[in-house]
Amino acid sequence: MMPRLVPNWREVLARAWSLRLIALAALLSGAEAALYLVGYRLPLSDLQKALVFFVIAAAAFVARLLAQKRRA
């Protein structure tokens, strides 16, 4: 069975905080990898970076479970 998008995928994409937070987590992860490759370091310890990524991922998880208000 092929996966299918929900019928209102554009609306979901525009409104879902979970997707925004997941995108932010992906951007931060990519930024970390890019900075590592060019030799720069974020001004955070490894523990602090891990905590930032964890908080964003946890927020995305919670946002996915919460009912989100519809805008008119």
Protein backbone atom coordinates (compact mmCIF):
# COMPACT_ATOMS: atom_id res chain seq x y z
CA MET A 1 0.00 0.00 0.00
CA MET A 2 1.40 3.37 -1.01
CA PRO A 3 1.44 6.11 1.62
CA ARG A 4 -0.86 9.00 0.76
CA LEU A 5 -0.95 12.58 1.94
CA VAL A 6 -3.91 13.72 3.97
CA PRO A 7 -6.45 15.58 1.81
CA ASN A 8 -5.73 18.92 3.51
CA TRP A 9 -1.94 18.59 3.54
CA ARG A 10 -1.38 22.21 2.55
CA GLU A 11 -3.43 23.39 5.53
CA VAL A 12 -1.60 21.00 7.84
CA LEU A 13 1.76 22.17 6.51
CA ALA A 14 0.81 25.81 7.10
CA ARG A 15 -0.54 25.35 10.63
CA ALA A 16 1.09 22.39 12.36
CA TRP A 17 3.57 23.50 15.01
CA SER A 18 4.97 20.00 15.20
CA LEU A 19 6.17 20.27 11.61
CA ARG A 20 7.73 23.66 12.28
CA LEU A 21 9.58 22.30 15.30
CA ILE A 22 10.72 19.21 13.39
CA ALA A 23 12.01 21.47 10.62
CA LEU A 24 13.85 23.58 13.21
CA ALA A 25 15.43 20.46 14.71
CA ALA A 26 16.52 19.34 11.23
CA LEU A 27 18.01 22.76 10.48
CA LEU A 28 19.93 22.82 13.76
CA SER A 29 21.21 19.31 13.16
CA GLY A 30 22.33 20.24 9.68
CA ALA A 31 23.96 23.42 10.95
CA GLU A 32 25.85 21.45 13.57
CA ALA A 33 27.13 19.02 10.93
CA ALA A 34 28.10 21.83 8.55
CA LEU A 35 29.94 23.76 11.26
CA TYR A 36 31.78 20.62 12.31
CA LEU A 37 32.88 19.93 8.73
CA VAL A 38 34.39 23.39 8.26
CA GLY A 39 36.12 23.30 11.61
CA TYR A 40 34.01 25.78 13.57
CA ARG A 41 32.34 25.00 16.86
CA LEU A 42 29.12 26.27 18.38
CA PRO A 43 29.80 28.20 21.61
CA LEU A 44 28.06 25.44 23.55
CA SER A 45 29.29 22.28 25.18
CA ASP A 46 28.25 18.95 23.70
CA LEU A 47 25.81 18.52 26.59
CA GLN A 48 24.21 21.91 25.97
CA LYS A 49 23.83 21.21 22.25
CA ALA A 50 22.28 17.83 22.99
CA LEU A 51 19.85 19.45 25.43
CA VAL A 52 18.83 22.08 22.86
CA PHE A 53 18.12 19.39 20.28
CA PHE A 54 16.27 17.27 22.84
CA VAL A 55 14.03 20.16 23.92
CA ILE A 56 13.14 20.97 20.31
CA ALA A 57 12.39 17.32 19.51
CA ALA A 58 10.31 16.95 22.70
CA ALA A 59 8.40 20.14 21.88
CA ALA A 60 7.66 18.76 18.41
CA PHE A 61 6.35 15.55 19.98
CA VAL A 62 4.08 17.45 22.38
CA ALA A 63 2.91 19.83 19.64
CA ARG A 64 1.95 16.84 17.50
CA LEU A 65 -0.30 15.51 20.26
CA LEU A 66 -1.98 18.80 21.18
CA ALA A 67 -5.11 19.95 19.46
CA GLN A 68 -4.28 23.02 17.44
CA LYS A 69 -6.81 25.80 16.99
CA ARG A 70 -8.18 26.46 13.55
CA ARG A 71 -7.75 29.96 12.21
CA ALA A 72 -10.59 31.52 10.31
